[in-house]
Amino acid sequence: MSDVVARAVDGDQDALGEIVRELRDPLYRLALRMVWRPDDAEDATQEILIQVITRLSSFRGEAKLLTWAYRIGVNYLLNLRRKTPQEARELSLDEFGANLAEGLAAEDYGGPDAELLGHEVRLSCTQAVLQCLERSERVAYVLGDVFELTSTEAAWVLDISAAAYRKRLERARERLRAFMGSTCGVVTAAGFCRCARRVEQAVSVGRIDPTAPLLVGHAVNGRGVREAAAQLHRLHDAAAVLRAHPDYAAPRDRTDAIVGLLRSGSFPLLD
């Protein structure tokens, strides 16, 4: 992508559009894991893309373009003033586990769209679990165990030493392994929680909308819900469960608007 970046810096609008299209989905997936709600992730992705575009002249090829963009995105996301609902409540993993135990049905949900709503509960729950981690631990875990960056790459993104990154990642891993191992029935038969037994409670308290499931119905660019979940039949561990999300696609209207502004030549931050 170095040649594309060089052309973009020289003012090639097509090259700038190519960069936006290349980065928008991975950056959206990063934002979604950090801020939980798609609407907030959409806003964050737009801001991150603008920062990436306006800093292209500082790209020196010291990392892959996406890794470099992750560094910009992580800095933005770590410094967001807006808090997720879990952050605002300072919800701990223990408290979240107690919430999961409330209203757990004795039998699997057997109503309409049972399979899809079970997936919606799983996806929503794994999003919420990540929010119980402090932001620096959350992003370390997302980069390493969800996006599977090497410790060298993730450390570069976070601008810390590889040793410091590995220590931070291990702390997050230990906390999540302990929580998922005692709670999640997908990870272990000893876990008390079952997605299919959380559906009715999740609907009743408004955590999921059966008429418009937020994550199951989300646009994708790659793996869909069932394809992403298929790995759970092979890998039963916390990382696999937290990783098994579809390849969500960034909403095209907002990112296409950025491309449109670039093509118009009227994007003021590029002057």
C-alpha atoms as a PDB file:
ATOM      1  CA  MET A   1       0.000   0.000   0.000  1.00  0.00           C
ATOM      2  CA  SER A   2       3.005   2.335   0.184  1.00  0.00           C
ATOM      3  CA  ASP A   3       2.565   3.418  -3.423  1.00  0.00           C
ATOM      4  CA  VAL A   4      -1.133   4.101  -2.822  1.00  0.00           C
ATOM      5  CA  VAL A   5      -0.264   6.216   0.223  1.00  0.00           C
ATOM      6  CA  ALA A   6       2.298   8.164  -1.803  1.00  0.00           C
ATOM      7  CA  ARG A   7      -0.273   8.878  -4.507  1.00  0.00           C
ATOM      8  CA  ALA A   8      -2.840   9.891  -1.888  1.00  0.00           C
ATOM      9  CA  VAL A   9      -0.397  12.321  -0.263  1.00  0.00           C
ATOM     10  CA  ASP A  10       0.202  13.815  -3.709  1.00  0.00           C
ATOM     11  CA  GLY A  11      -3.512  14.510  -3.974  1.00  0.00           C
ATOM     12  CA  ASP A  12      -4.765  11.476  -5.911  1.00  0.00           C
ATOM     13  CA  GLN A  13      -8.436  11.315  -4.880  1.00  0.00           C
ATOM     14  CA  ASP A  14      -8.846   7.743  -6.129  1.00  0.00           C
ATOM     15  CA  ALA A  15      -5.944   6.617  -3.940  1.00  0.00           C
ATOM     16  CA  LEU A  16      -7.489   8.331  -0.921  1.00  0.00           C
ATOM     17  CA  GLY A  17     -10.767   6.578  -1.608  1.00  0.00           C
ATOM     18  CA  GLU A  18      -8.968   3.238  -1.885  1.00  0.00           C
ATOM     19  CA  ILE A  19      -7.360   3.782   1.523  1.00  0.00           C
ATOM     20  CA  VAL A  20     -10.706   4.617   3.135  1.00  0.00           C
ATOM     21  CA  ARG A  21     -12.292   1.491   1.683  1.00  0.00           C
ATOM     22  CA  GLU A  22      -9.329  -0.658   2.766  1.00  0.00           C
ATOM     23  CA  LEU A  23      -9.353   0.553   6.378  1.00  0.00           C
ATOM     24  CA  ARG A  24     -12.965   1.276   7.225  1.00  0.00           C
ATOM     25  CA  ASP A  25     -14.126  -2.229   8.160  1.00  0.00           C
ATOM     26  CA  PRO A  26     -11.145  -3.207  10.351  1.00  0.00           C
ATOM     27  CA  LEU A  27     -11.258   0.159  12.121  1.00  0.00           C
ATOM     28  CA  TYR A  28     -14.999  -0.182  12.649  1.00  0.00           C
ATOM     29  CA  ARG A  29     -14.522  -3.640  14.191  1.00  0.00           C
ATOM     30  CA  LEU A  30     -11.899  -2.194  16.527  1.00  0.00           C
ATOM     31  CA  ALA A  31     -14.207   0.655  17.518  1.00  0.00           C
ATOM     32  CA  LEU A  32     -17.160  -1.689  18.025  1.00  0.00           C
ATOM     33  CA  ARG A  33     -15.185  -3.885  20.430  1.00  0.00           C
ATOM     34  CA  MET A  34     -14.133  -0.830  22.402  1.00  0.00           C
ATOM     35  CA  VAL A  35     -17.347   1.243  22.543  1.00  0.00           C
ATOM     36  CA  TRP A  36     -19.937  -1.587  22.428  1.00  0.00           C
ATOM     37  CA  ARG A  37     -22.759   0.125  20.538  1.00  0.00           C
ATOM     38  CA  PRO A  38     -22.805   0.248  16.706  1.00  0.00           C
ATOM     39  CA  ASP A  39     -23.940   3.896  16.589  1.00  0.00           C
ATOM     40  CA  ASP A  40     -21.016   4.983  18.764  1.00  0.00           C
ATOM     41  CA  ALA A  41     -18.632   2.776  16.781  1.00  0.00           C
ATOM     42  CA  GLU A  42     -19.845   4.397  13.566  1.00  0.00           C
ATOM     43  CA  ASP A  43     -19.125   7.877  14.937  1.00  0.00           C
ATOM     44  CA  ALA A  44     -15.707   6.806  16.200  1.00  0.00           C
ATOM     45  CA  THR A  45     -14.794   5.185  12.882  1.00  0.00           C
ATOM     46  CA  GLN A  46     -15.565   8.363  10.977  1.00  0.00           C
ATOM     47  CA  GLU A  47     -13.391  10.415  13.314  1.00  0.00           C
ATOM     48  CA  ILE A  48     -10.553   7.876  13.152  1.00  0.00           C
ATOM     49  CA  LEU A  49     -10.665   7.764   9.350  1.00  0.00           C
ATOM     50  CA  ILE A  50     -10.447  11.551   9.195  1.00  0.00           C
ATOM     51  CA  GLN A  51      -7.416  11.484  11.494  1.00  0.00           C
ATOM     52  CA  VAL A  52      -5.807   8.760   9.373  1.00  0.00           C
ATOM     53  CA  ILE A  53      -6.360  10.725   6.183  1.00  0.00           C
ATOM     54  CA  THR A  54      -4.981  13.962   7.585  1.00  0.00           C
ATOM     55  CA  ARG A  55      -1.862  12.202   8.900  1.00  0.00           C
ATOM     56  CA  LEU A  56      -0.998  10.208   5.800  1.00  0.00           C
ATOM     57  CA  SER A  57       2.006  12.400   5.077  1.00  0.00           C
ATOM     58  CA  SER A  58       3.563  11.135   8.332  1.00  0.00           C
ATOM     59  CA  PHE A  59       3.313   7.472   7.279  1.00  0.00           C
ATOM     60  CA  ARG A  60       6.843   6.138   6.877  1.00  0.00           C
ATOM     61  CA  GLY A  61       6.148   2.454   6.330  1.00  0.00           C
ATOM     62  CA  GLU A  62       7.432   1.522   9.793  1.00  0.00           C
ATOM     63  CA  ALA A  63       4.423  -0.822  10.044  1.00  0.00           C
ATOM     64  CA  LYS A  64       1.680  -2.057   7.779  1.00  0.00           C
ATOM     65  CA  LEU A  65      -0.819   0.655   6.888  1.00  0.00           C
ATOM     66  CA  LEU A  66      -3.577  -1.060   8.897  1.00  0.00           C
ATOM     67  CA  THR A  67      -1.299  -1.452  11.922  1.00  0.00           C
ATOM     68  CA  TRP A  68      -0.398   2.228  11.638  1.00  0.00           C
ATOM     69  CA  ALA A  69      -4.095   3.102  11.400  1.00  0.00           C
ATOM     70  CA  TYR A  70      -4.815   0.935  14.443  1.00  0.00           C
ATOM     71  CA  ARG A  71      -2.319   3.053  16.383  1.00  0.00           C
ATOM     72  CA  ILE A  72      -4.253   6.207  15.527  1.00  0.00           C
ATOM     73  CA  GLY A  73      -7.557   4.491  16.266  1.00  0.00           C
ATOM     74  CA  VAL A  74      -6.444   3.081  19.606  1.00  0.00           C
ATOM     75  CA  ASN A  75      -5.183   6.476  20.760  1.00  0.00           C
ATOM     76  CA  TYR A  76      -8.536   8.023  19.847  1.00  0.00           C
ATOM     77  CA  LEU A  77     -10.571   5.274  21.527  1.00  0.00           C
ATOM     78  CA  LEU A  78      -8.541   5.235  24.731  1.00  0.00           C
ATOM     79  CA  ASN A  79      -9.093   8.956  25.144  1.00  0.00           C
ATOM     80  CA  LEU A  80     -12.811   9.073  24.399  1.00  0.00           C
ATOM     81  CA  ARG A  81     -14.669  11.048  27.048  1.00  0.00           C
ATOM     82  CA  ARG A  82     -17.930   9.252  26.367  1.00  0.00           C
ATOM     83  CA  LYS A  83     -18.291   6.120  28.484  1.00  0.00           C
ATOM     84  CA  THR A  84     -20.077   2.915  27.629  1.00  0.00           C
ATOM     85  CA  PRO A  85     -22.996   1.998  29.933  1.00  0.00           C
ATOM     86  CA  GLN A  86     -20.814  -0.572  31.702  1.00  0.00           C
ATOM     87  CA  GLU A  87     -18.006   1.945  32.152  1.00  0.00           C
ATOM     88  CA  ALA A  88     -20.416   4.515  33.558  1.00  0.00           C
ATOM     89  CA  ARG A  89     -21.712   1.956  36.057  1.00  0.00           C
ATOM     90  CA  GLU A  90     -18.184   0.685  36.740  1.00  0.00           C
ATOM     91  CA  LEU A  91     -19.582  -2.804  36.278  1.00  0.00           C
ATOM     92  CA  SER A  92     -17.158  -5.528  37.363  1.00  0.00           C
ATOM     93  CA  LEU A  93     -16.998  -9.037  35.940  1.00  0.00           C
ATOM     94  CA  ASP A  94     -18.395 -10.394  39.218  1.00  0.00           C
ATOM     95  CA  GLU A  95     -21.365  -8.030  39.032  1.00  0.00           C
ATOM     96  CA  PHE A  96     -21.922  -8.875  35.389  1.00  0.00           C
ATOM     97  CA  GLY A  97     -21.891 -12.577  36.251  1.00  0.00           C
ATOM     98  CA  ALA A  98     -24.505 -11.983  38.943  1.00  0.00           C
ATOM     99  CA  ASN A  99     -26.661 -10.166  36.406  1.00  0.00           C
ATOM    100  CA  LEU A 100     -26.419 -13.125  34.035  1.00  0.00           C
ATOM    101  CA  ALA A 101     -27.700 -15.460  36.734  1.00  0.00           C
ATOM    102  CA  GLU A 102     -30.854 -13.383  37.213  1.00  0.00           C
ATOM    103  CA  GLY A 103     -33.817 -14.576  35.189  1.00  0.00           C
ATOM    104  CA  LEU A 104     -32.011 -17.543  33.663  1.00  0.00           C
ATOM    105  CA  ALA A 105     -34.702 -19.853  32.271  1.00  0.00           C
ATOM    106  CA  ALA A 106     -34.840 -23.534  33.187  1.00  0.00           C
ATOM    107  CA  GLU A 107     -35.156 -24.528  29.517  1.00  0.00           C
ATOM    108  CA  ASP A 108     -33.813 -23.278  26.202  1.00  0.00           C
ATOM    109  CA  TYR A 109     -35.883 -20.638  24.426  1.00  0.00           C
ATOM    110  CA  GLY A 110     -38.143 -22.279  21.859  1.00  0.00           C
ATOM    111  CA  GLY A 111     -39.925 -19.284  20.382  1.00  0.00           C
ATOM    112  CA  PRO A 112     -39.626 -17.720  16.915  1.00  0.00           C
ATOM    113  CA  ASP A 113     -36.092 -17.321  15.548  1.00  0.00           C
ATOM    114  CA  ALA A 114     -34.687 -19.206  18.533  1.00  0.00           C
ATOM    115  CA  GLU A 115     -31.322 -19.879  16.901  1.00  0.00           C
ATOM    116  CA  LEU A 116     -30.767 -16.310  15.738  1.00  0.00           C
ATOM    117  CA  LEU A 117     -31.831 -14.814  19.052  1.00  0.00           C
ATOM    118  CA  GLY A 118     -29.483 -17.196  20.839  1.00  0.00           C
ATOM    119  CA  HIS A 119     -26.699 -15.845  18.640  1.00  0.00           C
ATOM    120  CA  GLU A 120     -27.811 -12.287  19.425  1.00  0.00           C
ATOM    121  CA  VAL A 121     -27.563 -12.987  23.156  1.00  0.00           C
ATOM    122  CA  ARG A 122     -24.097 -14.494  22.710  1.00  0.00           C
ATOM    123  CA  LEU A 123     -22.818 -11.607  20.621  1.00  0.00           C
ATOM    124  CA  SER A 124     -24.302  -8.980  22.935  1.00  0.00           C
ATOM    125  CA  CYS A 125     -22.946 -10.768  26.001  1.00  0.00           C
ATOM    126  CA  THR A 126     -19.400 -11.039  24.672  1.00  0.00           C
ATOM    127  CA  GLN A 127     -19.465  -7.362  23.778  1.00  0.00           C
ATOM    128  CA  ALA A 128     -20.585  -6.545  27.312  1.00  0.00           C
ATOM    129  CA  VAL A 129     -17.935  -8.787  28.894  1.00  0.00           C
ATOM    130  CA  LEU A 130     -15.174  -6.799  27.217  1.00  0.00           C
ATOM    131  CA  GLN A 131     -16.602  -3.563  28.615  1.00  0.00           C
ATOM    132  CA  CYS A 132     -15.974  -4.866  32.139  1.00  0.00           C
ATOM    133  CA  LEU A 133     -12.240  -4.585  31.491  1.00  0.00           C
ATOM    134  CA  GLU A 134     -10.436  -1.292  32.011  1.00  0.00           C
ATOM    135  CA  ARG A 135      -9.792   0.292  28.609  1.00  0.00           C
ATOM    136  CA  SER A 136      -6.051  -0.377  28.441  1.00  0.00           C
ATOM    137  CA  GLU A 137      -6.593  -4.062  29.251  1.00  0.00           C
ATOM    138  CA  ARG A 138      -9.552  -4.268  26.869  1.00  0.00           C
ATOM    139  CA  VAL A 139      -7.615  -2.950  23.908  1.00  0.00           C
ATOM    140  CA  ALA A 140      -4.644  -5.181  24.728  1.00  0.00           C
ATOM    141  CA  TYR A 141      -6.958  -8.191  24.705  1.00  0.00           C
ATOM    142  CA  VAL A 142      -8.753  -7.134  21.533  1.00  0.00           C
ATOM    143  CA  LEU A 143      -5.510  -6.611  19.642  1.00  0.00           C
ATOM    144  CA  GLY A 144      -3.926  -9.844  20.816  1.00  0.00           C
ATOM    145  CA  ASP A 145      -6.638 -12.463  21.308  1.00  0.00           C
ATOM    146  CA  VAL A 146      -9.432 -11.106  19.100  1.00  0.00           C
ATOM    147  CA  PHE A 147      -7.519  -9.597  16.179  1.00  0.00           C
ATOM    148  CA  GLU A 148      -4.532 -11.894  16.748  1.00  0.00           C
ATOM    149  CA  LEU A 149      -1.785  -9.325  16.279  1.00  0.00           C
ATOM    150  CA  THR A 150       1.660 -10.433  17.387  1.00  0.00           C
ATOM    151  CA  SER A 151       2.961  -9.001  20.660  1.00  0.00           C
ATOM    152  CA  THR A 152       5.452  -6.942  18.643  1.00  0.00           C
ATOM    153  CA  GLU A 153       2.707  -5.460  16.463  1.00  0.00           C
ATOM    154  CA  ALA A 154       0.332  -4.816  19.364  1.00  0.00           C
ATOM    155  CA  ALA A 155       3.098  -3.243  21.455  1.00  0.00           C
ATOM    156  CA  TRP A 156       3.906  -0.904  18.551  1.00  0.00           C
ATOM    157  CA  VAL A 157       0.228   0.056  18.243  1.00  0.00           C
ATOM    158  CA  LEU A 158       0.114   0.879  21.966  1.00  0.00           C
ATOM    159  CA  ASP A 159       3.568   2.508  21.961  1.00  0.00           C
ATOM    160  CA  ILE A 160       4.827   0.343  24.810  1.00  0.00           C
ATOM    161  CA  SER A 161       7.480  -2.358  25.067  1.00  0.00           C
ATOM    162  CA  ALA A 162       6.646  -5.896  23.981  1.00  0.00           C
ATOM    163  CA  ALA A 163       7.289  -7.089  27.546  1.00  0.00           C
ATOM    164  CA  ALA A 164       4.884  -4.517  28.978  1.00  0.00           C
ATOM    165  CA  TYR A 165       2.286  -5.495  26.396  1.00  0.00           C
ATOM    166  CA  ARG A 166       2.572  -9.195  27.166  1.00  0.00           C
ATOM    167  CA  LYS A 167       2.122  -8.467  30.869  1.00  0.00           C
ATOM    168  CA  ARG A 168      -0.976  -6.361  30.202  1.00  0.00           C
ATOM    169  CA  LEU A 169      -2.422  -8.985  27.873  1.00  0.00           C
ATOM    170  CA  GLU A 170      -1.860 -11.778  30.384  1.00  0.00           C
ATOM    171  CA  ARG A 171      -3.688  -9.834  33.089  1.00  0.00           C
ATOM    172  CA  ALA A 172      -6.691  -9.444  30.788  1.00  0.00           C
ATOM    173  CA  ARG A 173      -6.507 -13.100  29.745  1.00  0.00           C
ATOM    174  CA  GLU A 174      -6.428 -14.318  33.323  1.00  0.00           C
ATOM    175  CA  ARG A 175      -9.455 -12.252  34.300  1.00  0.00           C
ATOM    176  CA  LEU A 176     -11.481 -13.321  31.271  1.00  0.00           C
ATOM    177  CA  ARG A 177     -10.487 -16.994  31.510  1.00  0.00           C
ATOM    178  CA  ALA A 178     -11.558 -17.089  35.147  1.00  0.00           C
ATOM    179  CA  PHE A 179     -14.864 -15.362  34.423  1.00  0.00           C
ATOM    180  CA  MET A 180     -15.756 -17.308  31.284  1.00  0.00           C
ATOM    181  CA  GLY A 181     -14.633 -20.587  32.816  1.00  0.00           C
ATOM    182  CA  SER A 182     -17.018 -20.208  35.745  1.00  0.00           C
ATOM    183  CA  THR A 183     -19.897 -18.601  33.845  1.00  0.00           C
ATOM    184  CA  CYS A 184     -20.085 -19.430  30.139  1.00  0.00           C
ATOM    185  CA  GLY A 185     -21.670 -22.712  29.100  1.00  0.00           C
ATOM    186  CA  VAL A 186     -20.069 -22.432  25.674  1.00  0.00           C
ATOM    187  CA  VAL A 187     -16.623 -22.542  27.247  1.00  0.00           C
ATOM    188  CA  THR A 188     -17.306 -25.273  29.787  1.00  0.00           C
ATOM    189  CA  ALA A 189     -20.158 -27.502  30.900  1.00  0.00           C
ATOM    190  CA  ALA A 190     -19.543 -26.181  34.415  1.00  0.00           C
ATOM    191  CA  GLY A 191     -20.614 -22.685  33.344  1.00  0.00           C
ATOM    192  CA  PHE A 192     -24.112 -21.902  34.570  1.00  0.00           C
ATOM    193  CA  CYS A 193     -25.120 -19.541  31.759  1.00  0.00           C
ATOM    194  CA  ARG A 194     -26.616 -20.701  28.465  1.00  0.00           C
ATOM    195  CA  CYS A 195     -27.361 -18.272  25.645  1.00  0.00           C
ATOM    196  CA  ALA A 196     -30.638 -20.002  24.770  1.00  0.00           C
ATOM    197  CA  ARG A 197     -31.774 -19.652  28.382  1.00  0.00           C
ATOM    198  CA  ARG A 198     -31.007 -15.939  28.497  1.00  0.00           C
ATOM    199  CA  VAL A 199     -33.176 -14.963  25.522  1.00  0.00           C
ATOM    200  CA  GLU A 200     -36.448 -14.300  27.373  1.00  0.00           C
ATOM    201  CA  GLN A 201     -34.741 -12.283  30.116  1.00  0.00           C
ATOM    202  CA  ALA A 202     -32.678 -10.308  27.603  1.00  0.00           C
ATOM    203  CA  VAL A 203     -35.839  -9.446  25.657  1.00  0.00           C
ATOM    204  CA  SER A 204     -37.812  -8.537  28.783  1.00  0.00           C
ATOM    205  CA  VAL A 205     -35.202  -6.043  30.032  1.00  0.00           C
ATOM    206  CA  GLY A 206     -34.597  -4.591  26.564  1.00  0.00           C
ATOM    207  CA  ARG A 207     -31.076  -5.873  26.064  1.00  0.00           C
ATOM    208  CA  ILE A 208     -32.023  -7.373  22.728  1.00  0.00           C
ATOM    209  CA  ASP A 209     -34.835  -6.508  20.331  1.00  0.00           C
ATOM    210  CA  PRO A 210     -36.339  -9.658  18.785  1.00  0.00           C
ATOM    211  CA  THR A 211     -37.851  -7.607  15.943  1.00  0.00           C
ATOM    212  CA  ALA A 212     -34.545  -5.970  15.003  1.00  0.00           C
ATOM    213  CA  PRO A 213     -31.559  -7.792  16.510  1.00  0.00           C
ATOM    214  CA  LEU A 214     -28.662  -5.367  16.457  1.00  0.00           C
ATOM    215  CA  LEU A 215     -25.695  -7.691  15.962  1.00  0.00           C
ATOM    216  CA  VAL A 216     -27.256 -10.661  14.182  1.00  0.00           C
ATOM    217  CA  GLY A 217     -28.824  -8.262  11.691  1.00  0.00           C
ATOM    218  CA  HIS A 218     -25.660  -6.204  11.236  1.00  0.00           C
ATOM    219  CA  ALA A 219     -24.186  -5.879   7.743  1.00  0.00           C
ATOM    220  CA  VAL A 220     -21.083  -7.987   7.221  1.00  0.00           C
ATOM    221  CA  ASN A 221     -18.191  -8.063   4.796  1.00  0.00           C
ATOM    222  CA  GLY A 222     -16.940 -11.629   4.984  1.00  0.00           C
ATOM    223  CA  ARG A 223     -18.002 -14.199   7.569  1.00  0.00           C
ATOM    224  CA  GLY A 224     -21.618 -14.141   8.659  1.00  0.00           C
ATOM    225  CA  VAL A 225     -23.054 -15.064  12.049  1.00  0.00           C
ATOM    226  CA  ARG A 226     -23.209 -18.813  11.477  1.00  0.00           C
ATOM    227  CA  GLU A 227     -19.767 -19.002   9.868  1.00  0.00           C
ATOM    228  CA  ALA A 228     -18.199 -17.095  12.747  1.00  0.00           C
ATOM    229  CA  ALA A 229     -19.967 -19.269  15.311  1.00  0.00           C
ATOM    230  CA  ALA A 230     -18.876 -22.504  13.620  1.00  0.00           C
ATOM    231  CA  GLN A 231     -15.448 -22.314  15.258  1.00  0.00           C
ATOM    232  CA  LEU A 232     -17.091 -22.698  18.660  1.00  0.00           C
ATOM    233  CA  HIS A 233     -17.760 -26.337  17.841  1.00  0.00           C
ATOM    234  CA  ARG A 234     -13.999 -26.836  17.556  1.00  0.00           C
ATOM    235  CA  LEU A 235     -12.565 -24.425  20.125  1.00  0.00           C
ATOM    236  CA  HIS A 236     -14.133 -24.148  23.546  1.00  0.00           C
ATOM    237  CA  ASP A 237     -12.171 -21.424  25.287  1.00  0.00           C
ATOM    238  CA  ALA A 238     -12.675 -17.812  26.281  1.00  0.00           C
ATOM    239  CA  ALA A 239     -10.673 -16.392  23.382  1.00  0.00           C
ATOM    240  CA  ALA A 240     -12.643 -18.395  20.812  1.00  0.00           C
ATOM    241  CA  VAL A 241     -15.974 -17.247  22.244  1.00  0.00           C
ATOM    242  CA  LEU A 242     -14.922 -13.607  22.379  1.00  0.00           C
ATOM    243  CA  ARG A 243     -13.437 -13.828  18.882  1.00  0.00           C
ATOM    244  CA  ALA A 244     -16.430 -15.504  17.220  1.00  0.00           C
ATOM    245  CA  HIS A 245     -18.143 -12.408  15.863  1.00  0.00           C
ATOM    246  CA  PRO A 246     -19.065 -11.911  12.211  1.00  0.00           C
ATOM    247  CA  ASP A 247     -16.905  -9.724  10.001  1.00  0.00           C
ATOM    248  CA  TYR A 248     -18.971  -6.614  10.622  1.00  0.00           C
ATOM    249  CA  ALA A 249     -18.955  -3.978   7.892  1.00  0.00           C
ATOM    250  CA  ALA A 250     -18.740  -0.290   8.642  1.00  0.00           C
ATOM    251  CA  PRO A 251     -21.945   1.512   7.589  1.00  0.00           C
ATOM    252  CA  ARG A 252     -21.324   2.554   4.024  1.00  0.00           C
ATOM    253  CA  ASP A 253     -23.223   5.838   4.028  1.00  0.00           C
ATOM    254  CA  ARG A 254     -20.850   7.590   6.450  1.00  0.00           C
ATOM    255  CA  THR A 255     -17.631   6.262   4.958  1.00  0.00           C
ATOM    256  CA  ASP A 256     -18.878   6.762   1.411  1.00  0.00           C
ATOM    257  CA  ALA A 257     -19.602  10.364   2.380  1.00  0.00           C
ATOM    258  CA  ILE A 258     -15.927  10.783   3.276  1.00  0.00           C
ATOM    259  CA  VAL A 259     -14.934   9.322  -0.091  1.00  0.00           C
ATOM    260  CA  GLY A 260     -17.400  11.671  -1.784  1.00  0.00           C
ATOM    261  CA  LEU A 261     -15.881  14.685  -0.052  1.00  0.00           C
ATOM    262  CA  LEU A 262     -12.431  13.548  -1.101  1.00  0.00           C
ATOM    263  CA  ARG A 263     -13.527  13.226  -4.705  1.00  0.00           C
ATOM    264  CA  SER A 264     -15.124  16.681  -4.618  1.00  0.00           C
ATOM    265  CA  GLY A 265     -11.842  18.272  -3.653  1.00  0.00           C
ATOM    266  CA  SER A 266     -13.637  20.260  -0.949  1.00  0.00           C
ATOM    267  CA  PHE A 267     -12.456  18.304   2.092  1.00  0.00           C
ATOM    268  CA  PRO A 268     -11.001  21.162   4.155  1.00  0.00           C
ATOM    269  CA  LEU A 269      -8.700  19.052   6.336  1.00  0.00           C
ATOM    270  CA  LEU A 270      -6.735  18.014   3.266  1.00  0.00           C
ATOM    271  CA  ASP A 271      -5.830  21.557   2.232  1.00  0.00           C
END
